């Protein structure tokens, strides 16, 4: 598919927004005497599993699209709608991973001054694992999005088709020029009563008029 790739600054912006949100929520919780909740241990595991599912779907789309039609016998057909959904999931995974990376990073920053306390140290460790899983999601999302960027169909506007037409035109022009020169040489060497057309036909079939 020819959808536009997510730009690098969009990931950077998502990380910054997540960071500011994480710090802001942590500050609000501290003023409201509400303790930070961190990230339960199953959360990073679920995030990693989702990333592998999206990566597998993107790999299936990429493999099917880059395989020649005559070699797709026995392969499960990937319809365009599924390919579009996979691309959307990949983009969403990457942006969500960037946001969560900033979010958990902000919470880690807010716990740095309280690491001597067991509770905050536990929260920091949980957020560190969640941040690592978020970074993994972002990377896998970017890779999956790249796998969904399928090569364009070799239609009339494809560079390969344009190159082939150019090569064919060059060969035709070269053959026509050779035929004309051979016909002129044939006439100049005295071919009797042969017409230009007969000499041209002879020039394209045999080296000389003899």
N, C-alpha and C. Protein backbone atom coordinates (compact mmCIF):
# COMPACT_ATOMS: atom_id res chain seq x y z
N UNK A 1 0.84 -1.18 0.00
CA UNK A 1 0.00 0.00 0.00
C UNK A 1 0.88 1.24 0.00
N UNK A 2 0.34 2.31 -0.55
CA UNK A 2 1.12 3.52 -0.70
C UNK A 2 0.76 4.57 0.34
N UNK A 3 0.24 4.17 1.48
CA UNK A 3 -0.09 5.12 2.54
C UNK A 3 1.18 5.79 3.04
N UNK A 4 1.03 7.02 3.47
CA UNK A 4 2.19 7.78 3.91
C UNK A 4 2.73 7.24 5.23
N UNK A 5 4.04 7.11 5.32
CA UNK A 5 4.66 6.63 6.55
C UNK A 5 4.53 7.66 7.66
N UNK A 6 4.43 7.16 8.88
CA UNK A 6 4.41 8.05 10.04
C UNK A 6 5.76 8.72 10.17
N UNK A 7 5.77 10.04 10.30
CA UNK A 7 7.02 10.79 10.37
C UNK A 7 7.68 10.63 11.74
N UNK A 8 9.00 10.81 11.77
CA UNK A 8 9.74 10.61 13.01
C UNK A 8 9.32 11.58 14.09
N UNK A 9 8.98 12.81 13.68
CA UNK A 9 8.64 13.82 14.68
C UNK A 9 7.29 13.52 15.33
N UNK A 10 6.46 12.73 14.68
CA UNK A 10 5.19 12.35 15.29
C UNK A 10 5.42 11.42 16.48
N UNK A 11 6.42 10.54 16.36
CA UNK A 11 6.78 9.68 17.49
C UNK A 11 7.38 10.52 18.62
N UNK A 12 8.25 11.45 18.24
CA UNK A 12 8.87 12.32 19.25
C UNK A 12 7.80 13.14 19.98
N UNK A 13 6.85 13.66 19.22
CA UNK A 13 5.77 14.44 19.84
C UNK A 13 4.94 13.57 20.78
N UNK A 14 4.66 12.34 20.36
CA UNK A 14 3.87 11.43 21.20
C UNK A 14 4.61 11.12 22.50
N UNK A 15 5.91 10.92 22.41
CA UNK A 15 6.71 10.65 23.62
C UNK A 15 6.67 11.85 24.56
N UNK A 16 6.82 13.05 24.01
CA UNK A 16 6.83 14.26 24.83
C UNK A 16 5.46 14.46 25.50
N UNK A 17 4.39 14.27 24.74
CA UNK A 17 3.05 14.42 25.31
C UNK A 17 2.81 13.39 26.42
N UNK A 18 3.24 12.15 26.16
CA UNK A 18 3.09 11.13 27.19
C UNK A 18 3.90 11.45 28.43
N UNK A 19 5.11 11.99 28.22
CA UNK A 19 5.97 12.36 29.36
C UNK A 19 5.32 13.45 30.19
N UNK A 20 4.81 14.48 29.53
CA UNK A 20 4.17 15.58 30.25
C UNK A 20 2.92 15.08 30.98
N UNK A 21 2.16 14.19 30.32
CA UNK A 21 0.96 13.66 30.96
C UNK A 21 1.31 12.82 32.17
N UNK A 22 2.35 11.99 32.05
CA UNK A 22 2.75 11.16 33.17
C UNK A 22 3.22 11.98 34.36
N UNK A 23 4.03 13.01 34.08
CA UNK A 23 4.50 13.88 35.17
C UNK A 23 3.33 14.64 35.78
N UNK A 24 2.43 15.14 34.89
CA UNK A 24 1.30 15.90 35.41
C UNK A 24 0.40 15.08 36.30
N UNK A 25 0.10 13.86 35.88
CA UNK A 25 -0.76 13.00 36.70
C UNK A 25 -0.08 12.67 38.02
N UNK A 26 1.24 12.43 37.97
CA UNK A 26 1.96 12.11 39.20
C UNK A 26 1.94 13.30 40.16
N UNK A 27 2.07 14.51 39.64
CA UNK A 27 2.02 15.70 40.50
C UNK A 27 0.64 15.86 41.12
N UNK A 28 -0.39 15.66 40.30
CA UNK A 28 -1.76 15.77 40.82
C UNK A 28 -2.01 14.74 41.90
N UNK A 29 -1.54 13.52 41.67
CA UNK A 29 -1.75 12.46 42.66
C UNK A 29 -1.02 12.77 43.96
N UNK A 30 0.18 13.38 43.85
CA UNK A 30 0.92 13.71 45.06
C UNK A 30 0.23 14.80 45.86
N UNK A 31 -0.40 15.77 45.19
CA UNK A 31 -1.13 16.82 45.88
C UNK A 31 -2.45 16.33 46.46
N UNK A 32 -2.99 15.29 45.89
CA UNK A 32 -4.25 14.75 46.38
C UNK A 32 -4.02 13.58 47.33
N UNK A 33 -2.78 13.42 47.74
CA UNK A 33 -2.39 12.33 48.65
C UNK A 33 -2.83 10.98 48.13
N UNK A 34 -2.78 10.83 46.80
CA UNK A 34 -3.09 9.55 46.17
C UNK A 34 -1.78 8.94 45.70
N UNK A 35 -1.54 7.70 46.03
CA UNK A 35 -0.28 7.06 45.68
C UNK A 35 -0.26 6.67 44.20
N UNK A 36 0.93 6.67 43.62
CA UNK A 36 1.09 6.22 42.25
C UNK A 36 0.73 4.74 42.13
N UNK A 37 0.08 4.41 41.05
CA UNK A 37 -0.36 3.02 40.88
C UNK A 37 0.66 2.17 40.12
N UNK A 38 1.53 2.81 39.34
CA UNK A 38 2.51 2.05 38.57
C UNK A 38 1.85 1.27 37.45
N UNK A 39 2.42 0.13 37.12
CA UNK A 39 1.88 -0.73 36.06
C UNK A 39 1.88 -2.16 36.56
N UNK A 40 0.71 -2.79 36.65
CA UNK A 40 0.66 -4.20 37.08
C UNK A 40 1.54 -5.07 36.19
N UNK A 41 2.07 -6.12 36.73
CA UNK A 41 3.00 -6.97 35.98
C UNK A 41 2.41 -7.58 34.71
N UNK A 42 1.13 -7.92 34.66
CA UNK A 42 0.61 -8.48 33.40
C UNK A 42 0.60 -7.48 32.24
N UNK A 43 0.63 -6.17 32.54
CA UNK A 43 0.54 -5.16 31.48
C UNK A 43 1.68 -5.27 30.47
N UNK A 44 2.96 -5.31 30.89
CA UNK A 44 4.03 -5.43 29.89
C UNK A 44 3.93 -6.71 29.07
N UNK A 45 3.49 -7.79 29.71
CA UNK A 45 3.36 -9.06 29.00
C UNK A 45 2.31 -8.95 27.89
N UNK A 46 1.17 -8.36 28.22
CA UNK A 46 0.11 -8.19 27.23
C UNK A 46 0.58 -7.28 26.09
N UNK A 47 1.32 -6.24 26.43
CA UNK A 47 1.81 -5.32 25.40
C UNK A 47 2.74 -6.02 24.42
N UNK A 48 3.60 -6.88 24.94
CA UNK A 48 4.54 -7.61 24.08
C UNK A 48 3.79 -8.60 23.20
N UNK A 49 2.80 -9.28 23.77
CA UNK A 49 2.01 -10.24 22.98
C UNK A 49 1.29 -9.53 21.83
N UNK A 50 0.70 -8.37 22.11
CA UNK A 50 0.02 -7.61 21.06
C UNK A 50 1.00 -7.22 19.96
N UNK A 51 2.20 -6.83 20.35
CA UNK A 51 3.21 -6.44 19.35
C UNK A 51 3.55 -7.61 18.43
N UNK A 52 3.70 -8.80 18.97
CA UNK A 52 4.03 -9.96 18.15
C UNK A 52 2.87 -10.33 17.22
N UNK A 53 1.65 -10.15 17.68
CA UNK A 53 0.49 -10.44 16.82
C UNK A 53 0.47 -9.49 15.62
N UNK A 54 0.67 -8.20 15.87
CA UNK A 54 0.68 -7.22 14.79
C UNK A 54 1.83 -7.49 13.82
N UNK A 55 3.00 -7.83 14.36
CA UNK A 55 4.15 -8.12 13.51
C UNK A 55 3.89 -9.33 12.63
N UNK A 56 3.26 -10.36 13.18
CA UNK A 56 2.96 -11.56 12.39
C UNK A 56 1.98 -11.23 11.26
N UNK A 57 0.96 -10.46 11.57
CA UNK A 57 -0.02 -10.07 10.53
C UNK A 57 0.66 -9.25 9.44
N UNK A 58 1.53 -8.33 9.83
CA UNK A 58 2.22 -7.50 8.83
C UNK A 58 3.15 -8.35 7.97
N UNK A 59 3.80 -9.33 8.58
CA UNK A 59 4.69 -10.21 7.81
C UNK A 59 3.88 -11.02 6.79
N UNK A 60 2.69 -11.48 7.18
CA UNK A 60 1.84 -12.22 6.24
C UNK A 60 1.45 -11.34 5.04
N UNK A 61 1.07 -10.11 5.32
CA UNK A 61 0.71 -9.18 4.24
C UNK A 61 1.89 -8.95 3.32
N UNK A 62 3.05 -8.73 3.91
CA UNK A 62 4.26 -8.45 3.12
C UNK A 62 4.65 -9.66 2.26
N UNK A 63 4.61 -10.83 2.85
CA UNK A 63 4.98 -12.04 2.10
C UNK A 63 4.05 -12.28 0.93
N UNK A 64 2.75 -12.11 1.16
CA UNK A 64 1.76 -12.35 0.10
C UNK A 64 1.91 -11.33 -1.02
N UNK A 65 2.10 -10.07 -0.66
CA UNK A 65 2.15 -9.01 -1.67
C UNK A 65 3.43 -9.04 -2.49
N UNK A 66 4.53 -9.50 -1.91
CA UNK A 66 5.80 -9.51 -2.62
C UNK A 66 6.05 -10.83 -3.35
N UNK A 67 5.12 -11.76 -3.26
CA UNK A 67 5.24 -13.02 -3.99
C UNK A 67 4.56 -12.91 -5.34
N UNK A 68 5.20 -13.40 -6.38
CA UNK A 68 4.61 -13.35 -7.71
C UNK A 68 3.30 -14.13 -7.73
N UNK A 69 2.29 -13.62 -8.47
CA UNK A 69 0.97 -14.28 -8.49
C UNK A 69 1.04 -15.77 -8.82
N UNK A 70 1.91 -16.16 -9.75
CA UNK A 70 1.98 -17.57 -10.13
C UNK A 70 2.59 -18.44 -9.04
N UNK A 71 3.24 -17.81 -8.06
CA UNK A 71 3.85 -18.57 -6.97
C UNK A 71 3.00 -18.56 -5.70
N UNK A 72 1.80 -17.96 -5.77
CA UNK A 72 0.94 -17.87 -4.60
C UNK A 72 0.05 -19.09 -4.40
N UNK A 73 0.25 -20.11 -5.21
CA UNK A 73 -0.56 -21.31 -5.09
C UNK A 73 -0.31 -21.96 -3.73
N UNK A 74 -1.37 -22.18 -3.00
CA UNK A 74 -1.23 -22.78 -1.68
C UNK A 74 -1.13 -21.77 -0.56
N UNK A 75 -0.91 -20.49 -0.89
CA UNK A 75 -0.84 -19.46 0.14
C UNK A 75 -2.24 -18.95 0.45
N UNK A 76 -2.45 -18.59 1.71
CA UNK A 76 -3.74 -18.02 2.10
C UNK A 76 -3.87 -16.62 1.52
N UNK A 77 -5.00 -16.37 0.86
CA UNK A 77 -5.20 -15.09 0.21
C UNK A 77 -5.37 -13.98 1.24
N UNK A 78 -4.69 -12.86 1.02
CA UNK A 78 -4.81 -11.69 1.87
C UNK A 78 -5.63 -10.65 1.12
N UNK A 79 -6.84 -10.38 1.59
CA UNK A 79 -7.68 -9.41 0.89
C UNK A 79 -7.23 -7.99 1.25
N UNK A 80 -7.50 -7.01 0.39
CA UNK A 80 -7.06 -5.62 0.64
C UNK A 80 -7.55 -5.05 1.96
N UNK A 81 -8.77 -5.39 2.36
CA UNK A 81 -9.31 -4.86 3.61
C UNK A 81 -8.48 -5.30 4.81
N UNK A 82 -8.07 -6.56 4.79
CA UNK A 82 -7.23 -7.05 5.88
C UNK A 82 -5.87 -6.36 5.88
N UNK A 83 -5.33 -6.11 4.70
CA UNK A 83 -4.05 -5.41 4.61
C UNK A 83 -4.16 -3.99 5.16
N UNK A 84 -5.27 -3.32 4.88
CA UNK A 84 -5.48 -1.96 5.39
C UNK A 84 -5.60 -1.99 6.92
N UNK A 85 -6.36 -2.93 7.45
CA UNK A 85 -6.50 -3.05 8.90
C UNK A 85 -5.15 -3.30 9.57
N UNK A 86 -4.34 -4.13 8.95
CA UNK A 86 -3.02 -4.42 9.51
C UNK A 86 -2.16 -3.17 9.55
N UNK A 87 -2.22 -2.37 8.49
CA UNK A 87 -1.46 -1.12 8.47
C UNK A 87 -1.94 -0.17 9.56
N UNK A 88 -3.25 -0.09 9.75
CA UNK A 88 -3.81 0.79 10.79
C UNK A 88 -3.36 0.31 12.18
N UNK A 89 -3.40 -1.00 12.41
CA UNK A 89 -2.96 -1.55 13.69
C UNK A 89 -1.48 -1.25 13.94
N UNK A 90 -0.67 -1.35 12.88
CA UNK A 90 0.76 -1.09 13.02
C UNK A 90 1.02 0.37 13.40
N UNK A 91 0.34 1.29 12.72
CA UNK A 91 0.49 2.70 13.04
C UNK A 91 0.02 2.99 14.47
N UNK A 92 -1.12 2.40 14.85
CA UNK A 92 -1.65 2.61 16.19
C UNK A 92 -0.71 2.06 17.25
N UNK A 93 -0.15 0.89 16.99
CA UNK A 93 0.78 0.28 17.95
C UNK A 93 2.00 1.17 18.16
N UNK A 94 2.54 1.72 17.08
CA UNK A 94 3.74 2.55 17.18
C UNK A 94 3.45 3.84 17.96
N UNK A 95 2.34 4.52 17.63
CA UNK A 95 2.01 5.77 18.33
C UNK A 95 1.66 5.51 19.79
N UNK A 96 0.87 4.46 20.04
CA UNK A 96 0.51 4.12 21.42
C UNK A 96 1.75 3.76 22.23
N UNK A 97 2.67 3.03 21.60
CA UNK A 97 3.91 2.70 22.29
C UNK A 97 4.71 3.94 22.65
N UNK A 98 4.75 4.92 21.75
CA UNK A 98 5.47 6.16 22.02
C UNK A 98 4.81 6.94 23.17
N UNK A 99 3.48 7.01 23.15
CA UNK A 99 2.76 7.71 24.22
C UNK A 99 3.01 7.05 25.58
N UNK A 100 2.89 5.72 25.62
CA UNK A 100 3.08 5.01 26.88
C UNK A 100 4.53 5.06 27.35
N UNK A 101 5.46 5.10 26.40
CA UNK A 101 6.86 5.24 26.78
C UNK A 101 7.07 6.55 27.53
N UNK A 102 6.49 7.63 27.00
CA UNK A 102 6.59 8.92 27.69
C UNK A 102 5.86 8.91 29.02
N UNK A 103 4.68 8.27 29.04
CA UNK A 103 3.87 8.22 30.26
C UNK A 103 4.63 7.53 31.40
N UNK A 104 5.10 6.33 31.13
CA UNK A 104 5.81 5.60 32.19
C UNK A 104 7.15 6.25 32.50
N UNK A 105 7.76 6.86 31.50
CA UNK A 105 9.00 7.59 31.78
C UNK A 105 8.76 8.76 32.73
N UNK A 106 7.63 9.45 32.55
CA UNK A 106 7.29 10.55 33.46
C UNK A 106 7.07 10.07 34.88
N UNK A 107 6.41 8.93 35.04
CA UNK A 107 6.19 8.40 36.38
C UNK A 107 7.50 7.96 37.02
N UNK A 108 8.41 7.43 36.21
CA UNK A 108 9.72 7.04 36.76
C UNK A 108 10.46 8.28 37.27
N UNK A 109 10.39 9.36 36.49
CA UNK A 109 11.05 10.61 36.91
C UNK A 109 10.51 11.09 38.26
N UNK A 110 9.21 10.98 38.44
CA UNK A 110 8.60 11.46 39.69
C UNK A 110 8.92 10.57 40.88
N UNK A 111 9.38 9.35 40.65
CA UNK A 111 9.72 8.46 41.77
C UNK A 111 11.21 8.50 42.12
N UNK A 112 12.01 9.20 41.32
CA UNK A 112 13.46 9.17 41.54
C UNK A 112 13.85 9.74 42.90
N UNK A 113 13.10 10.69 43.39
CA UNK A 113 13.44 11.28 44.69
C UNK A 113 12.95 10.48 45.88
N UNK A 114 12.27 9.37 45.62
CA UNK A 114 11.71 8.57 46.73
C UNK A 114 12.12 7.10 46.63
N UNK A 115 13.22 6.82 45.96
CA UNK A 115 13.62 5.43 45.77
C UNK A 115 14.06 4.75 47.05
N UNK A 116 14.30 5.54 48.10
CA UNK A 116 14.67 4.92 49.37
C UNK A 116 13.48 4.20 50.01
N UNK A 117 12.28 4.58 49.59
CA UNK A 117 11.08 3.92 50.10
C UNK A 117 10.78 2.69 49.25
N UNK A 118 10.45 1.59 49.90
CA UNK A 118 10.22 0.34 49.20
C UNK A 118 9.07 0.46 48.19
N UNK A 119 8.00 1.15 48.59
CA UNK A 119 6.84 1.26 47.72
C UNK A 119 7.20 1.98 46.42
N UNK A 120 7.86 3.12 46.51
CA UNK A 120 8.20 3.88 45.31
C UNK A 120 9.24 3.16 44.47
N UNK A 121 10.13 2.43 45.14
CA UNK A 121 11.11 1.66 44.38
C UNK A 121 10.40 0.57 43.57
N UNK A 122 9.38 -0.06 44.15
CA UNK A 122 8.61 -1.07 43.43
C UNK A 122 7.87 -0.44 42.25
N UNK A 123 7.30 0.75 42.46
CA UNK A 123 6.61 1.45 41.38
C UNK A 123 7.58 1.78 40.25
N UNK A 124 8.77 2.22 40.59
CA UNK A 124 9.77 2.57 39.58
C UNK A 124 10.16 1.35 38.74
N UNK A 125 10.31 0.21 39.39
CA UNK A 125 10.68 -1.01 38.67
C UNK A 125 9.55 -1.43 37.73
N UNK A 126 8.30 -1.38 38.23
CA UNK A 126 7.16 -1.72 37.38
C UNK A 126 7.08 -0.80 36.16
N UNK A 127 7.26 0.49 36.39
CA UNK A 127 7.19 1.45 35.29
C UNK A 127 8.35 1.25 34.31
N UNK A 128 9.49 0.83 34.83
CA UNK A 128 10.64 0.59 33.95
C UNK A 128 10.34 -0.57 32.99
N UNK A 129 9.75 -1.64 33.52
CA UNK A 129 9.39 -2.77 32.66
C UNK A 129 8.31 -2.35 31.65
N UNK A 130 7.35 -1.56 32.13
CA UNK A 130 6.28 -1.09 31.23
C UNK A 130 6.85 -0.17 30.16
N UNK A 131 7.81 0.67 30.53
CA UNK A 131 8.43 1.57 29.54
C UNK A 131 9.22 0.77 28.51
N UNK A 132 9.90 -0.28 28.95
CA UNK A 132 10.63 -1.13 28.00
C UNK A 132 9.66 -1.82 27.04
N UNK A 133 8.53 -2.29 27.57
CA UNK A 133 7.53 -2.92 26.70
C UNK A 133 6.93 -1.89 25.73
N UNK A 134 6.77 -0.65 26.18
CA UNK A 134 6.25 0.41 25.31
C UNK A 134 7.23 0.72 24.19
N UNK A 135 8.52 0.77 24.52
CA UNK A 135 9.54 0.99 23.50
C UNK A 135 9.54 -0.16 22.48
N UNK A 136 9.38 -1.37 22.98
CA UNK A 136 9.30 -2.54 22.10
C UNK A 136 8.10 -2.43 21.17
N UNK A 137 6.96 -2.00 21.72
CA UNK A 137 5.75 -1.82 20.90
C UNK A 137 5.99 -0.78 19.81
N UNK A 138 6.62 0.32 20.16
CA UNK A 138 6.87 1.37 19.19
C UNK A 138 7.76 0.87 18.05
N UNK A 139 8.82 0.16 18.40
CA UNK A 139 9.73 -0.36 17.38
C UNK A 139 9.04 -1.37 16.48
N UNK A 140 8.31 -2.31 17.09
CA UNK A 140 7.59 -3.31 16.31
C UNK A 140 6.53 -2.66 15.43
N UNK A 141 5.87 -1.62 15.94
CA UNK A 141 4.88 -0.91 15.14
C UNK A 141 5.51 -0.25 13.92
N UNK A 142 6.69 0.35 14.10
CA UNK A 142 7.39 0.98 12.98
C UNK A 142 7.80 -0.07 11.95
N UNK A 143 8.34 -1.19 12.43
CA UNK A 143 8.74 -2.26 11.52
C UNK A 143 7.54 -2.83 10.77
N UNK A 144 6.44 -3.04 11.49
CA UNK A 144 5.24 -3.59 10.86
C UNK A 144 4.67 -2.63 9.83
N UNK A 145 4.71 -1.35 10.14
CA UNK A 145 4.25 -0.35 9.17
C UNK A 145 5.09 -0.39 7.90
N UNK A 146 6.40 -0.59 8.07
CA UNK A 146 7.26 -0.71 6.90
C UNK A 146 6.96 -1.95 6.08
N UNK A 147 6.61 -3.05 6.75
CA UNK A 147 6.26 -4.26 6.02
C UNK A 147 4.97 -4.10 5.22
N UNK A 148 4.09 -3.22 5.70
CA UNK A 148 2.83 -3.00 5.00
C UNK A 148 2.97 -2.01 3.85
N UNK A 149 4.12 -1.37 3.71
CA UNK A 149 4.34 -0.47 2.58
C UNK A 149 4.70 -1.31 1.38
N UNK A 150 3.71 -1.77 0.66
CA UNK A 150 3.90 -2.71 -0.42
C UNK A 150 4.42 -2.01 -1.66
N UNK A 151 5.19 -2.73 -2.49
CA UNK A 151 5.67 -2.13 -3.74
C UNK A 151 4.52 -1.84 -4.67
N UNK A 152 4.60 -0.75 -5.45
CA UNK A 152 3.49 -0.42 -6.36
C UNK A 152 3.32 -1.46 -7.45
N UNK A 153 2.10 -1.59 -7.94
CA UNK A 153 1.81 -2.51 -9.04
C UNK A 153 2.54 -2.03 -10.29
N UNK A 154 3.06 -2.98 -11.07
CA UNK A 154 3.81 -2.61 -12.26
C UNK A 154 2.86 -2.22 -13.38
N UNK A 155 2.18 -1.09 -13.20
CA UNK A 155 1.29 -0.57 -14.22
C UNK A 155 2.03 0.34 -15.18
N UNK A 156 1.30 1.09 -16.01
CA UNK A 156 1.94 1.94 -17.01
C UNK A 156 2.87 2.99 -16.42
N UNK A 157 2.58 3.46 -15.19
CA UNK A 157 3.38 4.52 -14.60
C UNK A 157 4.51 3.99 -13.72
N UNK A 158 4.64 2.68 -13.61
CA UNK A 158 5.71 2.11 -12.80
C UNK A 158 7.06 2.39 -13.46
N UNK A 159 8.09 2.74 -12.69
CA UNK A 159 9.40 3.03 -13.29
C UNK A 159 9.94 1.90 -14.16
N UNK A 160 9.70 0.64 -13.76
CA UNK A 160 10.20 -0.48 -14.56
C UNK A 160 9.52 -0.52 -15.92
N UNK A 161 8.20 -0.25 -15.94
CA UNK A 161 7.48 -0.26 -17.21
C UNK A 161 7.94 0.87 -18.10
N UNK A 162 8.20 2.05 -17.51
CA UNK A 162 8.70 3.17 -18.30
C UNK A 162 10.08 2.84 -18.88
N UNK A 163 10.91 2.18 -18.08
CA UNK A 163 12.24 1.81 -18.56
C UNK A 163 12.15 0.79 -19.69
N UNK A 164 11.22 -0.16 -19.56
CA UNK A 164 11.05 -1.16 -20.61
C UNK A 164 10.58 -0.51 -21.91
N UNK A 165 9.62 0.43 -21.80
CA UNK A 165 9.14 1.11 -23.01
C UNK A 165 10.25 1.90 -23.66
N UNK A 166 11.10 2.53 -22.84
CA UNK A 166 12.22 3.28 -23.39
C UNK A 166 13.20 2.37 -24.11
N UNK A 167 13.48 1.21 -23.52
CA UNK A 167 14.40 0.26 -24.15
C UNK A 167 13.82 -0.27 -25.46
N UNK A 168 12.51 -0.56 -25.45
CA UNK A 168 11.88 -1.04 -26.68
C UNK A 168 11.92 0.03 -27.78
N UNK A 169 11.67 1.28 -27.39
CA UNK A 169 11.73 2.37 -28.36
C UNK A 169 13.13 2.54 -28.93
N UNK A 170 14.15 2.39 -28.07
CA UNK A 170 15.54 2.50 -28.54
C UNK A 170 15.87 1.38 -29.52
N UNK A 171 15.39 0.15 -29.22
CA UNK A 171 15.68 -0.96 -30.12
C UNK A 171 14.99 -0.78 -31.47
N UNK A 172 13.73 -0.31 -31.43
CA UNK A 172 13.00 -0.09 -32.69
C UNK A 172 13.67 1.00 -33.51
N UNK A 173 14.06 2.09 -32.85
CA UNK A 173 14.72 3.18 -33.56
C UNK A 173 16.05 2.72 -34.16
N UNK A 174 16.79 1.92 -33.38
CA UNK A 174 18.07 1.41 -33.88
C UNK A 174 17.88 0.49 -35.07
N UNK A 175 16.87 -0.37 -35.00
CA UNK A 175 16.61 -1.29 -36.12
C UNK A 175 16.18 -0.53 -37.37
N UNK A 176 15.33 0.51 -37.17
CA UNK A 176 14.88 1.30 -38.32
C UNK A 176 16.04 2.03 -38.96
N UNK A 177 16.93 2.59 -38.14
CA UNK A 177 18.08 3.28 -38.69
C UNK A 177 18.99 2.34 -39.46
N UNK A 178 19.19 1.16 -38.92
CA UNK A 178 20.03 0.17 -39.60
C UNK A 178 19.41 -0.24 -40.93
N UNK A 179 18.08 -0.40 -40.95
CA UNK A 179 17.40 -0.79 -42.18
C UNK A 179 17.53 0.29 -43.25
N UNK A 180 17.37 1.56 -42.85
CA UNK A 180 17.48 2.65 -43.80
C UNK A 180 18.89 2.74 -44.37
N UNK A 181 19.90 2.64 -43.50
CA UNK A 181 21.29 2.72 -43.98
C UNK A 181 21.62 1.56 -44.91
N UNK A 182 21.10 0.37 -44.55
CA UNK A 182 21.36 -0.79 -45.40
C UNK A 182 20.68 -0.64 -46.75
N UNK A 183 19.45 -0.07 -46.74
CA UNK A 183 18.74 0.13 -48.01
C UNK A 183 19.46 1.14 -48.88
N UNK A 184 19.97 2.21 -48.25
CA UNK A 184 20.70 3.22 -49.02
C UNK A 184 21.99 2.62 -49.59
N UNK A 185 22.66 1.82 -48.80
CA UNK A 185 23.88 1.17 -49.29
C UNK A 185 23.57 0.21 -50.42
N UNK A 186 22.43 -0.48 -50.32
CA UNK A 186 22.04 -1.43 -51.34
C UNK A 186 21.77 -0.72 -52.66
N UNK A 187 21.06 0.42 -52.57
CA UNK A 187 20.78 1.18 -53.79
C UNK A 187 22.04 1.77 -54.39
N UNK A 188 22.93 2.23 -53.52
CA UNK A 188 24.16 2.83 -54.02
C UNK A 188 25.09 1.83 -54.68
N UNK A 189 25.00 0.57 -54.29
CA UNK A 189 25.88 -0.45 -54.85
C UNK A 189 25.34 -1.04 -56.14
N UNK A 190 24.11 -0.59 -56.56
CA UNK A 190 23.54 -1.05 -57.83
C UNK A 190 22.80 -2.34 -57.67
N UNK A 191 21.58 -2.26 -57.31
CA UNK A 191 20.77 -3.46 -57.11
C UNK A 191 19.87 -3.73 -58.31
N UNK A 192 20.16 -3.17 -59.43
CA UNK A 192 19.35 -3.40 -60.63
C UNK A 192 18.08 -2.59 -60.54
N UNK A 193 16.99 -3.21 -60.83
CA UNK A 193 15.70 -2.53 -60.87
C UNK A 193 14.93 -2.64 -59.57
N UNK A 194 15.56 -3.08 -58.52
CA UNK A 194 14.88 -3.20 -57.23
C UNK A 194 14.44 -1.83 -56.73
N UNK A 195 13.29 -1.82 -56.14
CA UNK A 195 12.79 -0.57 -55.55
C UNK A 195 13.39 -0.40 -54.17
N UNK A 196 13.14 0.81 -53.60
CA UNK A 196 13.65 1.08 -52.25
C UNK A 196 13.01 0.12 -51.24
N UNK A 197 11.73 -0.17 -51.44
CA UNK A 197 11.05 -1.07 -50.52
C UNK A 197 11.65 -2.45 -50.54
N UNK A 198 11.95 -2.97 -51.79
CA UNK A 198 12.54 -4.31 -51.87
C UNK A 198 13.92 -4.35 -51.29
N UNK A 199 14.67 -3.27 -51.47
CA UNK A 199 16.01 -3.23 -50.87
C UNK A 199 15.94 -3.17 -49.35
N UNK A 200 14.93 -2.44 -48.84
CA UNK A 200 14.77 -2.35 -47.38
C UNK A 200 14.43 -3.71 -46.79
N UNK A 201 13.54 -4.44 -47.48
CA UNK A 201 13.19 -5.79 -47.02
C UNK A 201 14.41 -6.70 -47.06
N UNK A 202 15.19 -6.59 -48.11
CA UNK A 202 16.39 -7.40 -48.22
C UNK A 202 17.39 -7.04 -47.14
N UNK A 203 17.46 -5.73 -46.81
CA UNK A 203 18.43 -5.29 -45.81
C UNK A 203 18.10 -5.80 -44.43
N UNK A 204 16.83 -5.98 -44.17
CA UNK A 204 16.43 -6.48 -42.86
C UNK A 204 16.51 -7.98 -42.73
N UNK A 205 16.77 -8.66 -43.87
CA UNK A 205 16.78 -10.12 -43.83
C UNK A 205 18.16 -10.69 -44.13
N UNK A 206 18.92 -10.06 -45.03
CA UNK A 206 20.25 -10.56 -45.39
C UNK A 206 21.23 -9.41 -45.36
N UNK A 207 22.56 -9.68 -45.21
CA UNK A 207 23.54 -8.60 -45.10
C UNK A 207 23.68 -7.78 -46.36
N UNK A 208 23.48 -8.33 -47.57
CA UNK A 208 23.69 -7.58 -48.80
C UNK A 208 22.64 -7.94 -49.82
N UNK A 209 22.69 -7.26 -51.01
CA UNK A 209 21.69 -7.48 -52.05
C UNK A 209 22.11 -8.58 -52.99
N UNK A 210 23.27 -9.09 -52.80
CA UNK A 210 23.75 -10.13 -53.72
C UNK A 210 23.14 -11.47 -53.39
